[in-house]
Protein backbone atom coordinates (compact mmCIF):
# COMPACT_ATOMS: atom_id res chain seq x y z
CA MET A 1 76.65 3.58 116.59
CA THR A 2 79.63 2.11 114.74
CA ILE A 3 82.87 3.98 114.23
CA GLU A 4 82.19 3.83 110.48
CA GLN A 5 79.02 5.87 110.95
CA ASN A 6 80.53 8.13 113.63
CA VAL A 7 83.43 9.23 111.46
CA ILE A 8 81.04 10.16 108.63
CA ASP A 9 78.82 12.09 111.05
CA TRP A 10 81.82 13.93 112.54
CA ARG A 11 83.18 14.78 109.11
CA ARG A 12 79.86 16.14 107.86
CA HIS A 13 79.32 18.13 111.06
CA LEU A 14 82.71 19.76 110.61
CA HIS A 15 82.03 20.41 106.93
CA LYS A 16 78.75 22.10 107.78
CA HIS A 17 80.37 24.39 110.36
CA PRO A 18 83.69 25.59 108.88
CA GLU A 19 85.93 28.09 110.64
CA PHE A 20 88.85 30.09 109.30
CA GLY A 21 92.42 29.73 110.50
CA THR A 22 93.05 31.02 114.06
CA GLU A 23 89.24 31.15 114.52
CA GLU A 24 88.61 27.41 114.93
CA TYR A 25 87.00 27.88 118.35
CA LYS A 26 84.00 25.55 117.95
CA THR A 27 86.02 23.09 115.85
CA SER A 28 88.79 22.79 118.43
CA GLU A 29 86.27 22.45 121.27
CA PHE A 30 84.46 19.72 119.33
CA VAL A 31 87.78 17.90 118.89
CA ALA A 32 88.88 18.38 122.50
CA SER A 33 85.54 17.19 123.88
CA LYS A 34 85.62 14.04 121.76
CA LEU A 35 89.19 13.27 122.85
CA GLU A 36 88.17 13.67 126.49
CA GLU A 37 85.25 11.31 125.91
CA PHE A 38 87.79 8.76 124.65
CA GLY A 39 89.80 9.13 127.85
CA LEU A 40 92.77 11.05 126.47
CA ASP A 41 94.79 13.71 128.29
CA VAL A 42 93.77 16.86 126.40
CA HIS A 43 95.59 20.18 126.06
CA ARG A 44 93.70 23.10 124.53
CA GLY A 45 94.94 26.41 123.17
CA ILE A 46 98.27 25.24 121.79
CA GLY A 47 99.40 27.85 119.29
CA GLY A 48 96.04 29.61 119.59
CA THR A 49 93.28 27.14 118.81
CA GLY A 50 95.40 24.00 118.48
CA VAL A 51 94.61 20.85 120.45
CA VAL A 52 96.91 18.03 121.56
CA GLY A 53 95.47 14.76 122.83
CA ILE A 54 97.81 12.31 124.56
CA LEU A 55 97.25 8.55 124.76
CA LYS A 56 99.77 6.42 126.63
CA CYS A 57 99.80 2.64 126.86
CA GLY A 58 102.41 0.37 128.44
CA ASP A 59 105.72 1.50 129.84
CA SER A 60 107.80 2.19 126.72
CA ASP A 61 109.31 5.66 126.26
CA ARG A 62 108.78 5.50 122.48
CA SER A 63 106.42 8.11 121.03
CA ILE A 64 104.78 9.21 117.80
CA GLY A 65 102.95 12.35 116.71
CA LEU A 66 99.99 12.35 114.30
CA ARG A 67 98.82 15.68 112.89
CA ALA A 68 95.59 16.84 111.22
CA ASP A 69 94.65 20.36 110.07
CA MET A 70 91.33 21.97 111.07
CA ASP A 71 90.88 25.28 109.19
CA ALA A 72 88.56 26.13 106.32
CA LEU A 73 88.92 28.43 103.30
CA ARG A 74 87.33 31.75 102.35
CA ILE A 75 85.27 30.21 99.55
CA CYS A 76 81.51 30.32 98.95
CA GLU A 77 80.35 26.71 98.72
CA ALA A 78 78.39 25.77 95.59
CA ASN A 79 77.25 22.35 96.85
CA THR A 80 73.62 21.89 97.89
CA PHE A 81 73.76 18.64 99.90
CA ASP A 82 72.54 18.55 103.49
CA HIS A 83 75.97 19.02 105.05
CA ALA A 84 76.94 22.06 102.94
CA SER A 85 78.42 25.01 104.83
CA VAL A 86 75.96 27.11 106.81
CA HIS A 87 78.46 30.01 106.90
CA ASP A 88 78.48 32.20 103.79
CA GLY A 89 81.97 32.62 102.41
CA ALA A 90 83.48 29.81 104.47
CA MET A 91 83.99 26.28 103.22
CA HIS A 92 86.00 23.12 103.87
CA ALA A 93 87.28 23.07 100.30
CA CYS A 94 90.57 21.32 101.09
CA GLY A 95 89.33 18.33 103.10
CA HIS A 96 90.51 19.39 106.53
CA ASP A 97 87.14 18.25 107.83
CA GLY A 98 88.01 14.73 106.66
CA HIS A 99 91.55 14.89 108.05
CA THR A 100 90.24 15.93 111.47
CA ALA A 101 87.51 13.29 111.49
CA MET A 102 89.93 10.50 110.52
CA LEU A 103 92.40 11.39 113.26
CA LEU A 104 89.57 11.64 115.81
CA ALA A 105 88.34 8.19 114.82
CA ALA A 106 91.88 6.81 115.05
CA ALA A 107 92.15 8.21 118.58
CA HIS A 108 88.87 6.50 119.45
CA GLU A 109 89.95 3.13 118.05
CA LEU A 110 93.40 3.21 119.65
CA SER A 111 91.94 4.24 123.00
CA LYS A 112 89.74 1.14 122.84
CA SER A 113 92.26 -1.40 121.55
CA LYS A 114 95.38 -0.11 123.33
CA ASN A 115 97.32 -2.40 121.03
CA PHE A 116 100.58 -0.49 121.30
CA ASP A 117 103.36 0.27 123.78
CA GLY A 118 104.31 3.94 124.07
CA THR A 119 102.74 7.38 123.69
CA VAL A 120 100.69 8.79 120.83
CA TYR A 121 100.25 12.55 120.42
CA PHE A 122 97.17 13.49 118.40
CA ILE A 123 97.86 17.00 117.07
CA PHE A 124 95.00 19.08 115.69
CA GLN A 125 96.50 22.15 114.05
CA PRO A 126 94.93 25.51 113.21
CA ASP A 127 95.57 27.77 110.23
CA GLU A 128 97.40 25.52 107.78
CA GLU A 129 96.15 27.42 104.74
CA ARG A 130 98.02 30.63 105.59
CA GLY A 131 101.08 28.79 106.85
CA THR A 132 101.01 30.12 110.42
CA GLY A 133 99.47 27.24 112.40
CA ALA A 134 102.40 24.83 112.53
CA LYS A 135 104.81 27.61 113.46
CA ALA A 136 102.43 28.85 116.18
CA MET A 137 102.18 25.39 117.77
CA ILE A 138 105.96 24.95 117.58
CA GLU A 139 106.55 28.36 119.17
CA ASP A 140 104.07 27.41 121.88
CA GLY A 141 106.23 24.43 122.85
CA LEU A 142 104.76 21.56 120.84
CA PHE A 143 108.12 19.78 120.68
CA THR A 144 109.67 21.10 123.89
CA ARG A 145 106.72 20.26 126.13
CA TRP A 146 106.32 16.82 124.55
CA HIS A 147 108.94 14.56 123.03
CA MET A 148 108.07 12.79 119.77
CA ASP A 149 110.36 10.31 118.05
CA ALA A 150 108.63 10.97 114.73
CA ILE A 151 105.66 12.88 113.35
CA TYR A 152 103.27 12.08 110.49
CA ALA A 153 100.50 13.82 108.55
CA MET A 154 98.08 12.89 105.77
CA HIS A 155 96.20 14.86 103.09
CA ASN A 156 93.61 13.81 100.53
CA LEU A 157 94.31 14.23 96.82
CA PRO A 158 91.51 14.44 94.22
CA GLY A 159 92.17 12.83 90.85
CA ILE A 160 93.84 9.78 92.41
CA PRO A 161 91.76 6.58 92.81
CA GLU A 162 90.10 6.54 96.20
CA GLY A 163 92.17 4.93 98.90
CA GLN A 164 95.45 4.81 96.99
CA PHE A 165 98.43 6.25 98.89
CA LEU A 166 101.33 8.32 97.53
CA THR A 167 104.51 9.57 99.15
CA ARG A 168 108.26 9.74 98.62
CA PRO A 169 111.42 10.23 100.67
CA SER A 170 113.04 13.70 100.51
CA SER A 171 111.07 16.62 99.03
CA LEU A 172 107.41 15.75 98.47
CA MET A 173 106.10 19.31 98.20
CA ALA A 174 107.61 22.66 97.32
CA SER A 175 108.30 25.73 99.36
CA GLU A 176 106.15 28.76 98.62
CA SER A 177 107.47 32.32 98.64
CA SER A 178 106.11 35.59 97.32
CA PHE A 179 107.96 38.64 96.06
CA GLU A 180 107.06 42.31 95.69
CA ILE A 181 109.09 44.68 93.54
CA ASP A 182 108.52 48.44 93.36
CA VAL A 183 110.22 50.25 90.49
CA ILE A 184 110.39 53.93 91.45
CA ALA A 185 110.88 56.50 88.68
CA THR A 186 109.90 60.10 87.95
CA GLY A 187 107.23 59.40 85.33
CA GLY A 188 105.97 62.23 83.18
CA HIS A 189 103.85 63.19 80.21
CA ALA A 190 103.28 60.41 77.68
CA ALA A 191 104.10 62.86 74.88
CA MET A 192 107.48 63.79 76.41
CA PRO A 193 109.07 60.60 77.83
CA HIS A 194 112.56 62.13 77.59
CA MET A 195 111.63 64.53 80.40
CA GLY A 196 111.47 61.76 83.00
CA THR A 197 112.17 58.10 83.64
CA ASP A 198 109.80 55.30 82.68
CA PRO A 199 109.24 52.43 85.16
CA ILE A 200 107.08 50.46 82.71
CA VAL A 201 109.96 49.74 80.35
CA VAL A 202 112.18 48.79 83.30
CA GLY A 203 109.44 46.63 84.81
CA ALA A 204 108.93 44.83 81.50
CA GLN A 205 112.65 44.15 81.27
CA ILE A 206 112.62 42.78 84.83
CA VAL A 207 109.76 40.41 84.02
CA THR A 208 111.54 39.18 80.91
CA ALA A 209 114.90 38.78 82.64
CA MET A 210 113.34 36.85 85.50
CA GLN A 211 112.43 34.09 83.06
CA THR A 212 116.11 33.15 82.91
CA ILE A 213 116.56 32.67 86.66
CA VAL A 214 115.42 29.05 86.74
CA SER A 215 117.04 28.06 83.46
CA ARG A 216 120.37 29.82 84.06
CA ASN A 217 120.85 29.87 87.83
CA LEU A 218 119.49 26.50 88.99
CA SER A 219 120.54 22.99 88.11
CA ALA A 220 118.37 21.36 85.47
CA ILE A 221 119.07 18.01 87.15
CA ASN A 222 118.14 18.53 90.79
CA GLU A 223 116.84 22.07 91.37
CA THR A 224 113.33 22.15 89.91
CA ALA A 225 111.61 25.47 90.58
CA VAL A 226 108.83 27.76 89.38
CA ILE A 227 108.83 31.57 89.30
CA SER A 228 105.55 33.21 88.27
CA VAL A 229 104.92 36.93 87.90
CA THR A 230 101.25 37.32 88.79
CA GLU A 231 100.63 41.08 88.88
CA PHE A 232 101.98 44.17 87.12
CA ALA A 233 100.36 47.41 88.32
CA THR A 234 101.12 51.11 87.77
CA ASN A 235 99.88 54.48 89.00
CA GLY A 236 99.69 55.90 85.48
CA THR A 237 96.86 56.52 83.06
CA VAL A 238 96.37 56.70 79.29
CA ASN A 239 98.48 59.82 78.75
CA VAL A 240 100.66 59.68 81.87
CA ILE A 241 103.87 57.73 82.23
CA PRO A 242 103.63 56.36 85.78
CA SER A 243 106.12 57.10 88.51
CA GLN A 244 105.84 53.62 89.99
CA VAL A 245 105.37 50.02 88.89
CA LYS A 246 104.56 47.21 91.33
CA ILE A 247 105.42 43.65 90.30
CA THR A 248 104.33 40.74 92.47
CA GLY A 249 104.58 37.01 92.09
CA ASP A 250 105.08 33.55 93.51
CA THR A 251 107.97 31.08 93.60
CA ARG A 252 108.15 27.35 94.33
CA SER A 253 111.22 25.20 94.92
CA PHE A 254 112.11 21.88 96.54
CA THR A 255 115.29 22.67 98.48
CA ASP A 256 116.40 25.45 100.81
CA GLU A 257 119.43 25.98 98.59
CA ALA A 258 117.27 26.65 95.54
CA LEU A 259 115.02 28.92 97.60
CA HIS A 260 117.97 31.09 98.67
CA LYS A 261 119.36 31.21 95.13
CA ILE A 262 116.00 32.43 93.80
CA GLU A 263 115.69 35.13 96.47
CA LYS A 264 119.13 36.54 95.63
CA ALA A 265 118.75 36.16 91.86
CA ILE A 266 115.51 38.11 91.71
CA GLU A 267 117.07 41.06 93.50
CA ARG A 268 120.16 40.86 91.31
CA VAL A 269 117.97 41.09 88.21
CA VAL A 270 115.96 43.98 89.66
CA ALA A 271 119.03 45.90 90.80
CA GLY A 272 120.75 45.50 87.45
CA GLN A 273 117.81 46.63 85.36
CA CYS A 274 117.06 49.58 87.62
CA MET A 275 120.68 50.70 87.73
CA SER A 276 120.97 50.66 83.94
CA ALA A 277 117.84 52.85 83.65
CA GLY A 278 118.69 55.18 86.51
CA VAL A 279 115.64 54.39 88.65
CA ASP A 280 115.25 53.16 92.21
CA TYR A 281 113.59 50.05 93.56
CA LYS A 282 112.27 48.33 96.66
CA TYR A 283 112.30 44.55 97.01
CA GLN A 284 110.60 42.21 99.46
CA PHE A 285 110.80 38.42 99.49
CA ASN A 286 108.58 36.54 101.92
CA ASN A 287 108.66 32.81 102.58
CA SER A 288 105.29 31.32 103.61
CA PHE A 289 106.05 27.58 103.45
CA LEU A 290 109.26 25.58 103.43
CA SER A 291 109.63 22.52 101.21
CA THR A 292 108.05 19.41 102.75
CA ILE A 293 110.97 17.02 103.22
CA ASN A 294 110.22 13.45 104.33
CA THR A 295 112.95 11.53 106.14
CA PRO A 296 113.83 8.11 104.65
CA GLU A 297 113.21 5.81 107.62
CA GLU A 298 109.89 7.40 108.53
CA THR A 299 108.78 7.34 104.88
CA ALA A 300 109.51 3.61 104.79
CA GLN A 301 107.36 3.19 107.92
CA ALA A 302 104.51 5.15 106.34
CA ILE A 303 104.69 3.03 103.19
CA LYS A 304 104.70 -0.16 105.26
CA ALA A 305 101.55 0.92 107.14
CA ALA A 306 99.76 1.99 103.95
CA GLU A 307 100.60 -1.31 102.24
CA ALA A 308 99.19 -3.21 105.22
CA VAL A 309 95.91 -1.34 104.83
CA VAL A 310 95.35 -1.22 101.06
CA GLY A 311 97.97 -3.58 99.58
CA ALA A 312 101.31 -2.81 97.97
CA GLU A 313 99.66 -2.42 94.55
CA ASN A 314 97.79 0.64 95.87
CA VAL A 315 100.79 2.43 97.35
CA ASN A 316 103.25 4.54 95.36
CA GLY A 317 106.28 5.13 97.57
CA SER A 318 108.26 7.03 94.95
CA CYS A 319 105.76 9.44 93.43
CA GLU A 320 106.75 12.60 91.61
CA PRO A 321 107.02 15.69 93.84
CA PHE A 322 104.23 18.28 93.85
CA THR A 323 104.68 22.05 93.48
CA ILE A 324 101.89 22.72 96.00
CA SER A 325 102.93 23.62 99.55
CA GLU A 326 102.13 22.57 103.12
CA ASP A 327 103.00 24.07 106.50
CA PHE A 328 103.63 20.62 108.00
CA SER A 329 107.04 21.36 106.46
CA PHE A 330 107.89 23.41 109.55
CA MET A 331 107.18 20.45 111.84
CA LEU A 332 109.37 18.22 109.69
CA ARG A 333 112.27 20.63 110.29
CA GLU A 334 111.90 19.96 114.02
CA VAL A 335 111.18 16.21 114.10
CA LYS A 336 111.74 13.36 111.64
CA GLY A 337 108.61 12.25 109.85
CA CYS A 338 106.58 11.71 106.72
CA TYR A 339 103.71 13.39 104.91
CA ILE A 340 101.51 11.05 102.86
CA LEU A 341 98.72 11.62 100.34
CA VAL A 342 95.58 9.51 99.98
CA GLY A 343 93.48 9.44 96.82
CA ASN A 344 90.13 11.18 97.18
CA GLY A 345 88.74 9.60 94.01
CA GLN A 346 88.23 10.36 90.35
CA GLY A 347 85.33 11.71 88.35
CA GLU A 348 82.20 12.84 90.15
CA CYS A 349 83.04 10.95 93.35
CA GLY A 350 86.05 12.68 94.83
CA GLY A 351 87.60 14.07 91.67
CA THR A 352 86.75 17.75 92.13
CA ALA A 353 89.93 19.75 92.70
CA LEU A 354 90.95 21.16 96.05
CA HIS A 355 90.03 24.82 96.73
CA ASN A 356 87.04 24.48 94.41
CA PRO A 357 83.50 25.57 95.49
CA ASN A 358 82.15 22.15 94.40
CA TYR A 359 84.73 20.09 96.29
CA ASP A 360 83.73 17.59 98.97
CA PHE A 361 85.78 15.10 100.93
CA ASN A 362 85.02 11.52 99.85
CA ASP A 363 83.50 9.65 102.80
CA ASN A 364 84.48 6.34 101.18
CA ILE A 365 88.13 6.91 102.15
CA LEU A 366 87.53 7.86 105.79
CA MET A 367 88.03 4.38 107.23
CA LYS A 368 91.09 3.78 105.06
CA GLY A 369 92.61 6.83 106.69
CA VAL A 370 91.58 5.67 110.14
CA HIS A 371 93.09 2.22 109.57
CA TYR A 372 96.27 3.80 108.23
CA TRP A 373 96.73 5.82 111.41
CA GLN A 374 95.90 2.87 113.62
CA THR A 375 98.26 0.55 111.73
CA LEU A 376 101.08 3.10 111.73
CA VAL A 377 100.88 3.44 115.51
CA GLU A 378 100.66 -0.30 116.12
CA GLN A 379 103.65 -0.93 113.86
CA GLN A 380 105.78 1.93 115.20
CA LEU A 381 104.93 1.23 118.84
CA ASP A 382 104.75 -2.54 118.54
CA LYS A 383 104.19 -4.28 121.86
CA ASN A 384 106.76 -6.89 120.91
């Protein structure tokens, strides 16, 4: 069977049998077994269910890491094709099945051709969706047990013509953080508000004041950010002023500096409003993903490889940044590298948005991804 057919079969097998983050037991064993068939040195259980396959050729001490994510989402699939998920409530709605299959196929092709001089680390990561998988592999010694000169990752992007590549140096994707604010008051009878303190009024003022954080605390030139309040809940009822309001939300930013400014500014707003009203508060700010920051030299290498595969006219090396987030960002804080996006297609073939119950990875781009990985390795670890 040809590699073109194998990679489709692998992708559809993975799509049919999705597993959630940290639970990718069958997925990781499938990956590890394939890598062993290809003759790679395989290490299981890295960061939980992560797998690292090592392929060395020649005597150079140069090295490169290639990463794919393996986990699925808690979504009920609406598709009815033959390779639809057989697990209710679990679905590969972000294309990690395709990412894994492409990297597996690249390992197969490179193990056959051996047209490079150095070491390639094939990294299959668990639990990207919740932002814990990259950190778990790092904490388990991914970069201390094995040295990598650079590391790369790839993700599909619906709405972009199939096989087109997008990336940029510096921040490609935003950090993601969540906040939780509790406004603690005395509450009281709705008919006698003067007998207590009202957290709803304070909470409303906090929500309104937070709208000025981006516009008045961050640079309009180089500190793009988003702050969204997504929930406002109380413990009151129709004739009861509540004693507590809970406000939660989400923030996105492209630099660590902006992230830290937002964290402090939210609490400053909360503290000021609560102090003026004479109520207490609790504040939590949790960072799930850092901003995904590509390094210039490695981005240039990624662009060069993509252009060799699909032509310069199909590669955008200076795309606009995206406010979505990715836990590969943690790996990029440890090792230089580049994250690249590949178009999944438009319209009915590949255009359905990520995290949608009707999404499916476009098999037409599988070999473009395989050739990208293969070309990147052969260029970075050139025998000459």
